[in-house]
Amino acid sequence: MADKRYAVVSCHVEQPLDDRIWARFAAFQASRPGGFRIAALLRPPHEGEDSEVWLQRAHEAAGHAPLGHHTHWTSPSHARPTGGDPAGRVREEAEWLRARGLEPRLFCGGGWYMDEAVAGVLAELGYVDCTATAFRPSYLGPMAPRIGLADPAWVRVGDRRLLELPTTHSLGMAARAAFGTLPAHVHVYFHDTDLIDARRRAALRAALAVLGRRRTPTDVAALAGATGAAAEEVDYRQITRDT
């Protein structure tokens, strides 16, 4: 990737079993707005949810763009963990996905949650992580565990390395920045639920159209392959943000 000014887009697909939301997301992903192949970071099904429908939709999404794993630790509507073993849940979900023929390459922690044990599991699984952010999510309280980065980096976790491709812009941030100053690396994320609102859907489509003209559109998996060799290495503790 000779051009270092690139952009990628991912969607946190948190309601994959809602027919109306899924229809909006599937159509939006297939349309490749701005020339972007939108990575689907899917929340695996929780107990009591229809895993067969989920699997059909996951395979559909994987046919359009890179597939990712998005863990909600507590419940479908509560992303960050409130107990238990967060790293163990990630491992269990990854094993469940792989046993059913899915090979997600990407990961993003729900609610931007990350701890060192989770990072170690991600490195062991060979995932590329997108949980680090270039901004501090305003809803996170004091001391909420998260990691922060502005540019791709290899994160050293024990004796393993995890490639981190940070998320830099929310939907609103992307819309405001589309005609302003942009960093060299742009990673826009949105939620599948954003697409239900016609104004948010139109704003996202317009922002991606402009972004696709100002940066080279690529996808997260391709970016991982193109930047991995040149990315700097940092220790996990260097990027921990808890304030």
Protein backbone atom coordinates (compact mmCIF):
# COMPACT_ATOMS: atom_id res chain seq x y z
CA MET A 1 0.00 0.00 0.00
CA ALA A 2 2.18 2.81 -1.35
CA ASP A 3 -0.26 5.56 -0.37
CA LYS A 4 0.04 6.03 3.41
CA ARG A 5 -3.16 8.13 3.57
CA TYR A 6 -5.80 5.45 3.88
CA ALA A 7 -9.19 4.87 5.45
CA VAL A 8 -11.12 1.83 6.65
CA VAL A 9 -14.63 1.36 8.02
CA SER A 10 -16.07 -1.14 10.48
CA CYS A 11 -19.52 -1.71 11.94
CA HIS A 12 -20.24 -3.02 15.42
CA VAL A 13 -23.09 -5.38 14.58
CA GLU A 14 -24.80 -5.70 17.93
CA GLN A 15 -28.34 -6.61 16.84
CA PRO A 16 -27.75 -9.26 14.14
CA LEU A 17 -31.00 -11.07 14.96
CA ASP A 18 -33.25 -8.03 14.59
CA ASP A 19 -34.68 -8.47 11.08
CA ARG A 20 -35.18 -4.75 10.41
CA ILE A 21 -31.73 -3.73 11.62
CA TRP A 22 -30.04 -6.60 9.80
CA ALA A 23 -31.77 -5.73 6.52
CA ARG A 24 -30.49 -2.15 6.79
CA PHE A 25 -26.96 -3.27 7.59
CA ALA A 26 -26.83 -5.95 4.89
CA ALA A 27 -27.98 -3.49 2.22
CA PHE A 28 -25.56 -0.81 3.41
CA GLN A 29 -22.60 -3.18 3.50
CA ALA A 30 -23.40 -4.59 0.06
CA SER A 31 -23.60 -1.07 -1.44
CA ARG A 32 -19.96 -0.30 -0.48
CA PRO A 33 -20.54 3.41 0.25
CA GLY A 34 -17.53 5.53 -0.68
CA GLY A 35 -15.88 2.42 -2.10
CA PHE A 36 -15.41 0.88 1.35
CA ARG A 37 -15.68 -2.80 2.18
CA ILE A 38 -17.22 -2.46 5.63
CA ALA A 39 -15.93 -5.00 8.13
CA ALA A 40 -18.72 -6.57 10.15
CA LEU A 41 -17.67 -6.96 13.80
CA LEU A 42 -20.44 -9.27 14.99
CA ARG A 43 -21.58 -9.94 18.53
CA PRO A 44 -21.87 -13.74 18.90
CA PRO A 45 -25.21 -15.04 20.15
CA HIS A 46 -25.90 -15.23 23.87
CA GLU A 47 -27.86 -17.99 25.55
CA GLY A 48 -31.43 -18.16 24.26
CA GLU A 49 -30.68 -16.41 20.95
CA ASP A 50 -31.16 -18.14 17.59
CA SER A 51 -27.69 -19.37 16.64
CA GLU A 52 -28.77 -20.79 13.27
CA VAL A 53 -30.09 -17.47 11.99
CA TRP A 54 -27.00 -15.79 13.43
CA LEU A 55 -24.72 -18.14 11.53
CA GLN A 56 -26.57 -17.58 8.25
CA ARG A 57 -26.16 -13.83 8.64
CA ALA A 58 -22.52 -14.07 9.69
CA HIS A 59 -21.70 -16.06 6.56
CA GLU A 60 -23.59 -13.50 4.47
CA ALA A 61 -21.58 -10.64 5.98
CA ALA A 62 -18.30 -12.53 5.50
CA GLY A 63 -19.10 -12.77 1.78
CA HIS A 64 -18.92 -8.98 1.45
CA ALA A 65 -16.00 -7.92 3.65
CA PRO A 66 -13.70 -9.07 6.47
CA LEU A 67 -15.48 -10.61 9.43
CA GLY A 68 -14.78 -9.66 13.02
CA HIS A 69 -15.63 -10.78 16.55
CA HIS A 70 -17.26 -8.25 18.92
CA THR A 71 -17.76 -9.46 22.48
CA HIS A 72 -20.53 -8.25 24.76
CA TRP A 73 -19.45 -9.73 28.06
CA THR A 74 -22.51 -9.21 30.23
CA SER A 75 -25.55 -9.43 27.93
CA PRO A 76 -26.70 -8.47 24.44
CA SER A 77 -27.50 -4.98 25.76
CA HIS A 78 -24.61 -4.62 28.24
CA ALA A 79 -21.21 -4.70 26.59
CA ARG A 80 -18.59 -4.29 29.32
CA PRO A 81 -17.96 -7.12 31.80
CA THR A 82 -19.46 -6.99 35.28
CA GLY A 83 -17.80 -10.16 36.53
CA GLY A 84 -16.60 -13.57 35.43
CA ASP A 85 -13.56 -14.19 33.23
CA PRO A 86 -13.50 -11.75 30.28
CA ALA A 87 -10.55 -13.46 28.59
CA GLY A 88 -12.17 -16.86 29.01
CA ARG A 89 -15.36 -15.65 27.34
CA VAL A 90 -13.43 -14.38 24.32
CA ARG A 91 -11.69 -17.74 23.98
CA GLU A 92 -14.99 -19.66 24.28
CA GLU A 93 -16.67 -17.48 21.65
CA ALA A 94 -13.70 -17.83 19.28
CA GLU A 95 -13.77 -21.61 19.63
CA TRP A 96 -17.53 -21.64 18.99
CA LEU A 97 -17.09 -19.54 15.84
CA ARG A 98 -14.28 -21.66 14.46
CA ALA A 99 -16.12 -24.88 15.16
CA ARG A 100 -18.88 -23.59 12.87
CA GLY A 101 -16.68 -22.70 9.92
CA LEU A 102 -16.15 -19.01 10.66
CA GLU A 103 -12.64 -17.56 10.83
CA PRO A 104 -12.89 -13.95 11.97
CA ARG A 105 -9.58 -12.11 11.77
CA LEU A 106 -10.61 -8.99 13.64
CA PHE A 107 -11.73 -8.17 17.17
CA CYS A 108 -13.21 -5.23 19.03
CA GLY A 109 -14.15 -5.33 22.69
CA GLY A 110 -17.69 -4.22 23.49
CA GLY A 111 -17.75 -0.86 25.26
CA TRP A 112 -14.06 -0.53 24.25
CA TYR A 113 -13.14 -2.87 27.12
CA MET A 114 -9.66 -4.35 27.17
CA ASP A 115 -7.40 -5.84 29.82
CA GLU A 116 -4.04 -7.58 29.58
CA ALA A 117 -5.49 -11.08 29.83
CA VAL A 118 -7.94 -10.39 27.00
CA ALA A 119 -5.11 -8.91 24.90
CA GLY A 120 -3.07 -12.05 25.51
CA VAL A 121 -5.89 -14.29 24.29
CA LEU A 122 -6.33 -12.13 21.18
CA ALA A 123 -2.62 -12.44 20.40
CA GLU A 124 -2.80 -16.20 20.91
CA LEU A 125 -5.79 -16.45 18.57
CA GLY A 126 -3.98 -14.44 15.87
CA TYR A 127 -6.61 -11.71 15.84
CA VAL A 128 -6.06 -8.15 14.67
CA ASP A 129 -7.52 -5.84 17.31
CA CYS A 130 -9.47 -2.61 16.79
CA THR A 131 -10.33 -1.87 20.43
CA ALA A 132 -7.78 0.91 20.94
CA THR A 133 -9.21 4.35 20.22
CA ALA A 134 -7.63 7.66 19.29
CA PHE A 135 -10.30 9.39 21.39
CA ARG A 136 -11.69 8.84 24.86
CA PRO A 137 -15.31 7.61 24.71
CA SER A 138 -17.27 10.17 26.69
CA TYR A 139 -19.54 7.65 28.40
CA LEU A 140 -16.75 5.75 30.14
CA GLY A 141 -16.41 6.50 33.82
CA PRO A 142 -13.19 7.22 35.75
CA MET A 143 -10.77 4.29 35.83
CA ALA A 144 -12.68 2.36 33.15
CA PRO A 145 -10.10 0.03 31.54
CA ARG A 146 -9.37 0.86 27.89
CA ILE A 147 -6.41 1.30 25.56
CA GLY A 148 -5.50 4.30 23.43
CA LEU A 149 -3.53 4.61 20.19
CA ALA A 150 -3.64 6.90 17.18
CA ASP A 151 -1.67 4.75 14.71
CA PRO A 152 -1.24 1.04 14.00
CA ALA A 153 1.23 -0.73 16.28
CA TRP A 154 2.36 -4.14 17.43
CA VAL A 155 1.46 -4.46 21.11
CA ARG A 156 3.74 -6.67 23.17
CA VAL A 157 1.75 -8.83 25.60
CA GLY A 158 4.01 -11.17 27.53
CA ASP A 159 5.92 -13.17 24.93
CA ARG A 160 3.35 -12.53 22.18
CA ARG A 161 2.50 -9.61 19.89
CA LEU A 162 -0.93 -8.27 18.96
CA LEU A 163 -1.43 -6.07 15.89
CA GLU A 164 -3.55 -3.07 16.89
CA LEU A 165 -5.41 -1.05 14.24
CA PRO A 166 -7.00 1.69 16.33
CA THR A 167 -10.41 3.18 15.76
CA THR A 168 -10.11 6.92 15.16
CA HIS A 169 -13.57 8.31 14.33
CA SER A 170 -17.17 7.70 15.34
CA LEU A 171 -19.96 8.43 12.86
CA GLY A 172 -20.37 11.95 14.23
CA MET A 173 -16.64 12.61 14.29
CA ALA A 174 -16.32 11.39 10.70
CA ALA A 175 -19.14 13.65 9.51
CA ARG A 176 -17.55 16.69 11.18
CA ALA A 177 -14.05 15.86 9.92
CA ALA A 178 -14.99 14.93 6.34
CA PHE A 179 -14.20 18.41 5.03
CA GLY A 180 -11.61 19.30 7.68
CA THR A 181 -8.23 18.05 8.77
CA LEU A 182 -7.80 14.27 8.70
CA PRO A 183 -4.98 12.15 10.08
CA ALA A 184 -3.10 9.85 7.74
CA HIS A 185 -4.81 6.83 9.30
CA VAL A 186 -8.61 6.97 9.48
CA HIS A 187 -10.73 4.17 10.93
CA VAL A 188 -14.41 5.03 11.11
CA TYR A 189 -16.80 2.90 13.13
CA PHE A 190 -20.56 2.93 13.49
CA HIS A 191 -23.25 0.69 14.97
CA ASP A 192 -25.78 -1.30 13.00
CA THR A 193 -28.51 0.50 14.98
CA ASP A 194 -27.34 3.84 13.49
CA LEU A 195 -28.72 2.73 10.14
CA ILE A 196 -32.33 2.70 11.36
CA ASP A 197 -32.34 6.50 11.65
CA ALA A 198 -32.63 7.99 8.14
CA ARG A 199 -30.67 11.12 9.04
CA ARG A 200 -27.79 9.19 10.59
CA ARG A 201 -27.77 6.79 7.65
CA ALA A 202 -27.62 9.69 5.18
CA ALA A 203 -24.92 11.45 7.20
CA LEU A 204 -22.80 8.30 7.28
CA ARG A 205 -23.19 7.70 3.55
CA ALA A 206 -22.26 11.33 2.78
CA ALA A 207 -19.24 11.25 5.12
CA LEU A 208 -17.94 8.03 3.57
CA ALA A 209 -18.40 9.40 0.05
CA VAL A 210 -16.18 12.37 0.91
CA LEU A 211 -13.71 10.25 2.86
CA GLY A 212 -13.42 7.85 -0.08
CA ARG A 213 -12.26 10.76 -2.25
CA ARG A 214 -9.80 12.14 0.29
CA ARG A 215 -8.20 8.87 1.35
CA THR A 216 -7.47 5.54 -0.33
CA PRO A 217 -10.35 3.22 0.64
CA THR A 218 -9.25 -0.18 1.83
CA ASP A 219 -10.49 -2.68 4.40
CA VAL A 220 -9.24 -3.59 7.85
CA ALA A 221 -7.84 -6.99 6.88
CA ALA A 222 -5.95 -5.58 3.88
CA LEU A 223 -4.64 -2.77 6.05
CA ALA A 224 -3.35 -5.28 8.58
CA GLY A 225 -1.36 -7.04 5.88
CA ALA A 226 0.00 -3.80 4.47
CA THR A 227 1.03 -2.11 7.71
CA GLY A 228 2.14 -5.00 9.87
CA ALA A 229 5.76 -5.00 8.71
CA ALA A 230 6.26 -1.28 9.32
CA ALA A 231 4.25 -0.79 12.52
CA GLU A 232 6.21 0.15 15.63
CA GLU A 233 6.18 -2.07 18.71
CA VAL A 234 4.90 -0.89 22.10
CA ASP A 235 4.36 -2.62 25.41
CA TYR A 236 0.77 -3.19 26.47
CA ARG A 237 1.24 -1.02 29.56
CA GLN A 238 2.31 1.91 27.38
CA ILE A 239 -1.14 2.19 25.80
CA THR A 240 -3.32 1.45 28.82
CA ARG A 241 -5.77 4.27 29.52
CA ASP A 242 -7.75 4.17 32.74
CA THR A 243 -8.64 7.82 33.24
